[in-house]
PDB file of N, CA and C in Angstrom:
ATOM      1  N   MET A   1    -124.186 135.577 142.589  1.00  0.00           N
ATOM      2  CA  MET A   1    -123.016 135.211 141.829  1.00  0.00           C
ATOM      3  C   MET A   1    -121.795 135.249 142.741  1.00  0.00           C
ATOM      4  N   ALA A   2    -120.966 134.229 142.677  1.00  0.00           N
ATOM      5  CA  ALA A   2    -119.784 134.138 143.527  1.00  0.00           C
ATOM      6  C   ALA A   2    -118.692 135.089 143.032  1.00  0.00           C
ATOM      7  N   ARG A   3    -117.935 135.601 143.974  1.00  0.00           N
ATOM      8  CA  ARG A   3    -116.806 136.467 143.623  1.00  0.00           C
ATOM      9  C   ARG A   3    -115.700 135.630 142.998  1.00  0.00           C
ATOM     10  N   PRO A   4    -115.016 136.177 142.004  1.00  0.00           N
ATOM     11  CA  PRO A   4    -113.906 135.423 141.404  1.00  0.00           C
ATOM     12  C   PRO A   4    -112.779 135.224 142.409  1.00  0.00           C
ATOM     13  N   LYS A   5    -112.125 134.085 142.310  1.00  0.00           N
ATOM     14  CA  LYS A   5    -111.021 133.781 143.217  1.00  0.00           C
ATOM     15  C   LYS A   5    -109.852 134.715 142.940  1.00  0.00           C
ATOM     16  N   LYS A   6    -109.278 135.260 144.009  1.00  0.00           N
ATOM     17  CA  LYS A   6    -108.129 136.150 143.881  1.00  0.00           C
ATOM     18  C   LYS A   6    -106.895 135.347 143.513  1.00  0.00           C
ATOM     19  N   GLU A   7    -106.095 135.898 142.602  1.00  0.00           N
ATOM     20  CA  GLU A   7    -104.912 135.197 142.134  1.00  0.00           C
ATOM     21  C   GLU A   7    -103.729 135.353 143.066  1.00  0.00           C
ATOM     22  N   ARG A   8    -103.699 136.430 143.858  1.00  0.00           N
ATOM     23  CA  ARG A   8    -102.573 136.615 144.755  1.00  0.00           C
ATOM     24  C   ARG A   8    -103.042 136.665 146.193  1.00  0.00           C
ATOM     25  N   GLU A   9    -102.141 136.297 147.070  1.00  0.00           N
ATOM     26  CA  GLU A   9    -102.447 136.290 148.497  1.00  0.00           C
ATOM     27  C   GLU A   9    -102.644 137.719 148.990  1.00  0.00           C
ATOM     28  N   THR A  10    -103.599 137.914 149.825  1.00  0.00           N
ATOM     29  CA  THR A  10    -103.860 139.237 150.394  1.00  0.00           C
ATOM     30  C   THR A  10    -103.802 139.169 151.911  1.00  0.00           C
ATOM     31  N   VAL A  11    -103.625 140.327 152.514  1.00  0.00           N
ATOM     32  CA  VAL A  11    -103.676 140.450 153.971  1.00  0.00           C
ATOM     33  C   VAL A  11    -104.614 141.604 154.299  1.00  0.00           C
ATOM     34  N   ARG A  12    -105.254 141.529 155.410  1.00  0.00           N
ATOM     35  CA  ARG A  12    -106.168 142.580 155.847  1.00  0.00           C
ATOM     36  C   ARG A  12    -105.443 143.484 156.831  1.00  0.00           C
ATOM     37  N   LEU A  13    -105.576 144.793 156.609  1.00  0.00           N
ATOM     38  CA  LEU A  13    -104.995 145.782 157.503  1.00  0.00           C
ATOM     39  C   LEU A  13    -106.117 146.581 158.153  1.00  0.00           C
ATOM     40  N   SER A  14    -105.880 146.992 159.359  1.00  0.00           N
ATOM     41  CA  SER A  14    -106.822 147.855 160.048  1.00  0.00           C
ATOM     42  C   SER A  14    -106.104 149.174 160.320  1.00  0.00           C
ATOM     43  N   LEU A  15    -106.655 150.264 159.797  1.00  0.00           N
ATOM     44  CA  LEU A  15    -106.034 151.571 159.946  1.00  0.00           C
ATOM     45  C   LEU A  15    -106.879 152.467 160.832  1.00  0.00           C
ATOM     46  N   GLU A  16    -106.224 153.173 161.715  1.00  0.00           N
ATOM     47  CA  GLU A  16    -106.907 154.182 162.518  1.00  0.00           C
ATOM     48  C   GLU A  16    -106.564 155.532 161.916  1.00  0.00           C
ATOM     49  N   LEU A  17    -107.567 156.204 161.339  1.00  0.00           N
ATOM     50  CA  LEU A  17    -107.375 157.474 160.649  1.00  0.00           C
ATOM     51  C   LEU A  17    -108.277 158.537 161.254  1.00  0.00           C
ATOM     52  N   SER A  18    -107.835 159.766 161.171  1.00  0.00           N
ATOM     53  CA  SER A  18    -108.704 160.852 161.618  1.00  0.00           C
ATOM     54  C   SER A  18    -109.864 160.996 160.633  1.00  0.00           C
ATOM     55  N   ALA A  19    -110.910 161.635 161.065  1.00  0.00           N
ATOM     56  CA  ALA A  19    -112.065 161.865 160.194  1.00  0.00           C
ATOM     57  C   ALA A  19    -111.660 162.699 158.986  1.00  0.00           C
ATOM     58  N   GLN A  20    -110.738 163.633 159.176  1.00  0.00           N
ATOM     59  CA  GLN A  20    -110.280 164.487 158.082  1.00  0.00           C
ATOM     60  C   GLN A  20    -109.570 163.664 157.009  1.00  0.00           C
ATOM     61  N   VAL A  21    -108.714 162.731 157.419  1.00  0.00           N
ATOM     62  CA  VAL A  21    -108.014 161.878 156.455  1.00  0.00           C
ATOM     63  C   VAL A  21    -109.015 160.997 155.720  1.00  0.00           C
ATOM     64  N   ARG A  22    -109.975 160.458 156.434  1.00  0.00           N
ATOM     65  CA  ARG A  22    -111.013 159.626 155.797  1.00  0.00           C
ATOM     66  C   ARG A  22    -111.774 160.440 154.751  1.00  0.00           C
ATOM     67  N   GLU A  23    -112.101 161.685 155.068  1.00  0.00           N
ATOM     68  CA  GLU A  23    -112.796 162.547 154.110  1.00  0.00           C
ATOM     69  C   GLU A  23    -111.935 162.799 152.879  1.00  0.00           C
ATOM     70  N   ARG A  24    -110.642 163.002 153.079  1.00  0.00           N
ATOM     71  CA  ARG A  24    -109.729 163.204 151.943  1.00  0.00           C
ATOM     72  C   ARG A  24    -109.673 161.964 151.073  1.00  0.00           C
ATOM     73  N   LEU A  25    -109.626 160.788 151.694  1.00  0.00           N
ATOM     74  CA  LEU A  25    -109.625 159.543 150.920  1.00  0.00           C
ATOM     75  C   LEU A  25    -110.921 159.392 150.123  1.00  0.00           C
ATOM     76  N   ASP A  26    -112.042 159.692 150.745  1.00  0.00           N
ATOM     77  CA  ASP A  26    -113.324 159.628 150.032  1.00  0.00           C
ATOM     78  C   ASP A  26    -113.350 160.594 148.857  1.00  0.00           C
ATOM     79  N   ASP A  27    -112.831 161.805 149.079  1.00  0.00           N
ATOM     80  CA  ASP A  27    -112.784 162.800 148.011  1.00  0.00           C
ATOM     81  C   ASP A  27    -111.908 162.320 146.860  1.00  0.00           C
ATOM     82  N   MET A  28    -110.740 161.764 147.184  1.00  0.00           N
ATOM     83  CA  MET A  28    -109.842 161.252 146.147  1.00  0.00           C
ATOM     84  C   MET A  28    -110.472 160.076 145.409  1.00  0.00           C
ATOM     85  N   ARG A  29    -111.217 159.246 146.121  1.00  0.00           N
ATOM     86  CA  ARG A  29    -111.894 158.119 145.479  1.00  0.00           C
ATOM     87  C   ARG A  29    -112.879 158.624 144.438  1.00  0.00           C
ATOM     88  N   GLU A  30    -113.660 159.616 144.804  1.00  0.00           N
ATOM     89  CA  GLU A  30    -114.642 160.175 143.876  1.00  0.00           C
ATOM     90  C   GLU A  30    -113.964 160.850 142.688  1.00  0.00           C
ATOM     91  N   ARG A  31    -112.968 161.677 142.952  1.00  0.00           N
ATOM     92  CA  ARG A  31    -112.298 162.426 141.883  1.00  0.00           C
ATOM     93  C   ARG A  31    -111.543 161.516 140.924  1.00  0.00           C
ATOM     94  N   SER A  32    -111.000 160.411 141.430  1.00  0.00           N
ATOM     95  CA  SER A  32    -110.235 159.495 140.580  1.00  0.00           C
ATOM     96  C   SER A  32    -111.110 158.393 139.982  1.00  0.00           C
ATOM     97  N   GLU A  33    -112.369 158.369 140.396  1.00  0.00           N
ATOM     98  CA  GLU A  33    -113.314 157.342 139.952  1.00  0.00           C
ATOM     99  C   GLU A  33    -112.839 155.937 140.308  1.00  0.00           C
ATOM    100  N   ALA A  34    -112.137 155.826 141.436  1.00  0.00           N
ATOM    101  CA  ALA A  34    -111.695 154.525 141.925  1.00  0.00           C
ATOM    102  C   ALA A  34    -112.883 153.772 142.498  1.00  0.00           C
ATOM    103  N   ASP A  35    -112.797 152.459 142.471  1.00  0.00           N
ATOM    104  CA  ASP A  35    -113.886 151.629 142.985  1.00  0.00           C
ATOM    105  C   ASP A  35    -113.965 151.629 144.506  1.00  0.00           C
ATOM    106  N   SER A  36    -112.832 151.914 145.171  1.00  0.00           N
ATOM    107  CA  SER A  36    -112.810 151.822 146.626  1.00  0.00           C
ATOM    108  C   SER A  36    -111.657 152.663 147.185  1.00  0.00           C
ATOM    109  N   ILE A  37    -111.704 152.859 148.479  1.00  0.00           N
ATOM    110  CA  ILE A  37    -110.599 153.537 149.158  1.00  0.00           C
ATOM    111  C   ILE A  37    -109.345 152.673 149.077  1.00  0.00           C
ATOM    112  N   THR A  38    -109.518 151.359 149.110  1.00  0.00           N
ATOM    113  CA  THR A  38    -108.381 150.458 148.960  1.00  0.00           C
ATOM    114  C   THR A  38    -107.668 150.721 147.642  1.00  0.00           C
ATOM    115  N   GLU A  39    -108.425 150.933 146.572  1.00  0.00           N
ATOM    116  CA  GLU A  39    -107.832 151.230 145.270  1.00  0.00           C
ATOM    117  C   GLU A  39    -107.090 152.563 145.300  1.00  0.00           C
ATOM    118  N   VAL A  40    -107.636 153.551 145.991  1.00  0.00           N
ATOM    119  CA  VAL A  40    -106.953 154.842 146.131  1.00  0.00           C
ATOM    120  C   VAL A  40    -105.610 154.640 146.827  1.00  0.00           C
ATOM    121  N   ILE A  41    -105.595 153.860 147.876  1.00  0.00           N
ATOM    122  CA  ILE A  41    -104.364 153.614 148.624  1.00  0.00           C
ATOM    123  C   ILE A  41    -103.366 152.850 147.760  1.00  0.00           C
ATOM    124  N   ARG A  42    -103.821 151.860 146.988  1.00  0.00           N
ATOM    125  CA  ARG A  42    -102.926 151.127 146.082  1.00  0.00           C
ATOM    126  C   ARG A  42    -102.278 152.066 145.067  1.00  0.00           C
ATOM    127  N   ARG A  43    -103.091 152.932 144.479  1.00  0.00           N
ATOM    128  CA  ARG A  43    -102.563 153.883 143.491  1.00  0.00           C
ATOM    129  C   ARG A  43    -101.570 154.842 144.133  1.00  0.00           C
ATOM    130  N   ALA A  44    -101.891 155.321 145.330  1.00  0.00           N
ATOM    131  CA  ALA A  44    -100.993 156.242 146.037  1.00  0.00           C
ATOM    132  C   ALA A  44     -99.662 155.560 146.345  1.00  0.00           C
ATOM    133  N   LEU A  45     -99.710 154.298 146.745  1.00  0.00           N
ATOM    134  CA  LEU A  45     -98.476 153.563 147.025  1.00  0.00           C
ATOM    135  C   LEU A  45     -97.634 153.391 145.763  1.00  0.00           C
ATOM    136  N   SER A  46     -98.282 153.163 144.637  1.00  0.00           N
ATOM    137  CA  SER A  46     -97.555 153.038 143.373  1.00  0.00           C
ATOM    138  C   SER A  46     -96.829 154.329 143.027  1.00  0.00           C
ATOM    139  N   LEU A  47     -97.515 155.457 143.207  1.00  0.00           N
ATOM    140  CA  LEU A  47     -96.879 156.752 142.929  1.00  0.00           C
ATOM    141  C   LEU A  47     -95.727 157.031 143.885  1.00  0.00           C
ATOM    142  N   PHE A  48     -95.927 156.726 145.152  1.00  0.00           N
ATOM    143  CA  PHE A  48     -94.877 156.950 146.141  1.00  0.00           C
ATOM    144  C   PHE A  48     -93.671 156.066 145.846  1.00  0.00           C
ATOM    145  N   ASP A  49     -93.914 154.817 145.475  1.00  0.00           N
ATOM    146  CA  ASP A  49     -92.831 153.903 145.127  1.00  0.00           C
ATOM    147  C   ASP A  49     -92.040 154.434 143.934  1.00  0.00           C
ATOM    148  N   LEU A  50     -92.741 154.928 142.922  1.00  0.00           N
ATOM    149  CA  LEU A  50     -92.081 155.499 141.748  1.00  0.00           C
ATOM    150  C   LEU A  50     -91.222 156.703 142.135  1.00  0.00           C
ATOM    151  N   ALA A  51     -91.760 157.579 142.979  1.00  0.00           N
ATOM    152  CA  ALA A  51     -91.015 158.759 143.418  1.00  0.00           C
ATOM    153  C   ALA A  51     -89.762 158.360 144.202  1.00  0.00           C
ATOM    154  N   LEU A  52     -89.883 157.366 145.074  1.00  0.00           N
ATOM    155  CA  LEU A  52     -88.719 156.902 145.835  1.00  0.00           C
ATOM    156  C   LEU A  52     -87.658 156.314 144.919  1.00  0.00           C
ATOM    157  N   LYS A  53     -88.075 155.526 143.926  1.00  0.00           N
ATOM    158  CA  LYS A  53     -87.120 154.935 142.988  1.00  0.00           C
ATOM    159  C   LYS A  53     -86.392 156.029 142.210  1.00  0.00           C
ATOM    160  N   GLN A  54     -87.107 157.067 141.809  1.00  0.00           N
ATOM    161  CA  GLN A  54     -86.464 158.180 141.113  1.00  0.00           C
ATOM    162  C   GLN A  54     -85.422 158.838 142.003  1.00  0.00           C
ATOM    163  N   ARG A  55     -85.787 159.100 143.246  1.00  0.00           N
ATOM    164  CA  ARG A  55     -84.848 159.747 144.171  1.00  0.00           C
ATOM    165  C   ARG A  55     -83.633 158.861 144.415  1.00  0.00           C
ATOM    166  N   GLU A  56     -83.862 157.573 144.620  1.00  0.00           N
ATOM    167  CA  GLU A  56     -82.761 156.646 144.878  1.00  0.00           C
ATOM    168  C   GLU A  56     -81.813 156.549 143.678  1.00  0.00           C
ATOM    169  N   GLY A  57     -82.352 156.738 142.480  1.00  0.00           N
ATOM    170  CA  GLY A  57     -81.538 156.688 141.273  1.00  0.00           C
ATOM    171  C   GLY A  57     -80.947 158.030 140.882  1.00  0.00           C
ATOM    172  N   GLY A  58     -81.118 159.035 141.724  1.00  0.00           N
ATOM    173  CA  GLY A  58     -80.570 160.352 141.445  1.00  0.00           C
ATOM    174  C   GLY A  58     -81.504 161.246 140.651  1.00  0.00           C
ATOM    175  N   GLY A  59     -82.708 160.778 140.389  1.00  0.00           N
ATOM    176  CA  GLY A  59     -83.675 161.570 139.638  1.00  0.00           C
ATOM    177  C   GLY A  59     -84.541 162.421 140.543  1.00  0.00           C
ATOM    178  N   GLU A  60     -85.514 163.056 139.943  1.00  0.00           N
ATOM    179  CA  GLU A  60     -86.468 163.862 140.688  1.00  0.00           C
ATOM    180  C   GLU A  60     -87.815 163.817 139.978  1.00  0.00           C
ATOM    181  N   VAL A  61     -88.849 164.173 140.703  1.00  0.00           N
ATOM    182  CA  VAL A  61     -90.195 164.208 140.148  1.00  0.00           C
ATOM    183  C   VAL A  61     -90.624 165.664 140.066  1.00  0.00           C
ATOM    184  N   ILE A  62     -91.016 166.079 138.867  1.00  0.00           N
ATOM    185  CA  ILE A  62     -91.436 167.456 138.625  1.00  0.00           C
ATOM    186  C   ILE A  62     -92.867 167.456 138.115  1.00  0.00           C
ATOM    187  N   PHE A  63     -93.693 168.309 138.703  1.00  0.00           N
ATOM    188  CA  PHE A  63     -95.059 168.519 138.226  1.00  0.00           C
ATOM    189  C   PHE A  63     -95.079 169.802 137.418  1.00  0.00           C
ATOM    190  N   ARG A  64     -95.653 169.745 136.232  1.00  0.00           N
ATOM    191  CA  ARG A  64     -95.744 170.936 135.383  1.00  0.00           C
ATOM    192  C   ARG A  64     -97.216 171.274 135.188  1.00  0.00           C
ATOM    193  N   GLY A  65     -97.597 172.485 135.579  1.00  0.00           N
ATOM    194  CA  GLY A  65     -98.966 172.948 135.435  1.00  0.00           C
ATOM    195  C   GLY A  65     -99.263 173.348 134.005  1.00  0.00           C
ATOM    196  N   PRO A  66    -100.527 173.605 133.711  1.00  0.00           N
ATOM    197  CA  PRO A  66    -100.921 173.989 132.356  1.00  0.00           C
ATOM    198  C   PRO A  66    -100.282 175.294 131.896  1.00  0.00           C
ATOM    199  N   ASP A  67     -99.858 176.122 132.848  1.00  0.00           N
ATOM    200  CA  ASP A  67     -99.201 177.386 132.494  1.00  0.00           C
ATOM    201  C   ASP A  67     -97.688 177.229 132.352  1.00  0.00           C
ATOM    202  N   GLY A  68     -97.185 175.994 132.493  1.00  0.00           N
ATOM    203  CA  GLY A  68     -95.753 175.736 132.368  1.00  0.00           C
ATOM    204  C   GLY A  68     -94.997 175.859 133.675  1.00  0.00           C
ATOM    205  N   ASP A  69     -95.677 176.315 134.729  1.00  0.00           N
ATOM    206  CA  ASP A  69     -95.040 176.442 136.040  1.00  0.00           C
ATOM    207  C   ASP A  69     -94.683 175.049 136.553  1.00  0.00           C
ATOM    208  N   GLU A  70     -93.462 174.897 137.054  1.00  0.00           N
ATOM    209  CA  GLU A  70     -92.991 173.602 137.538  1.00  0.00           C
ATOM    210  C   GLU A  70     -92.832 173.616 139.046  1.00  0.00           C
ATOM    211  N   GLN A  71     -93.130 172.463 139.630  1.00  0.00           N
ATOM    212  CA  GLN A  71     -92.981 172.294 141.064  1.00  0.00           C
ATOM    213  C   GLN A  71     -92.331 170.945 141.313  1.00  0.00           C
ATOM    214  N   LYS A  72     -91.234 170.957 142.063  1.00  0.00           N
ATOM    215  CA  LYS A  72     -90.491 169.729 142.371  1.00  0.00           C
ATOM    216  C   LYS A  72     -91.121 169.046 143.584  1.00  0.00           C
ATOM    217  N   LEU A  73     -91.296 167.736 143.481  1.00  0.00           N
ATOM    218  CA  LEU A  73     -91.777 166.945 144.614  1.00  0.00           C
ATOM    219  C   LEU A  73     -90.603 166.672 145.527  1.00  0.00           C
ATOM    220  N   VAL A  74     -90.700 167.113 146.767  1.00  0.00           N
ATOM    221  CA  VAL A  74     -89.632 166.916 147.736  1.00  0.00           C
ATOM    222  C   VAL A  74     -90.075 165.828 148.709  1.00  0.00           C
ATOM    223  N   LEU A  75     -89.286 164.767 148.780  1.00  0.00           N
ATOM    224  CA  LEU A  75     -89.561 163.674 149.715  1.00  0.00           C
ATOM    225  C   LEU A  75     -88.637 163.825 150.903  1.00  0.00           C
ATOM    226  N   VAL A  76     -89.201 163.891 152.078  1.00  0.00           N
ATOM    227  CA  VAL A  76     -88.384 164.047 153.275  1.00  0.00           C
ATOM    228  C   VAL A  76     -88.376 162.766 154.079  1.00  0.00           C
TER     229      VAL A  76
END
């Protein structure tokens, strides 16, 4: 069966990563049930973009644990 035609233009990137980073990406792929490492990277970029937009607009990103403990995401 032929693959469906992609609706948007894509580009291929080649990344040189340490074995440790590759293992982390594989772990995140499994834990998030993503179809591929590419999908993990797309999702990570979306989150990073959202965090940057919040910072640029004067906002902040706060993570709240199940115990109510809060941790601020600091972007440097």
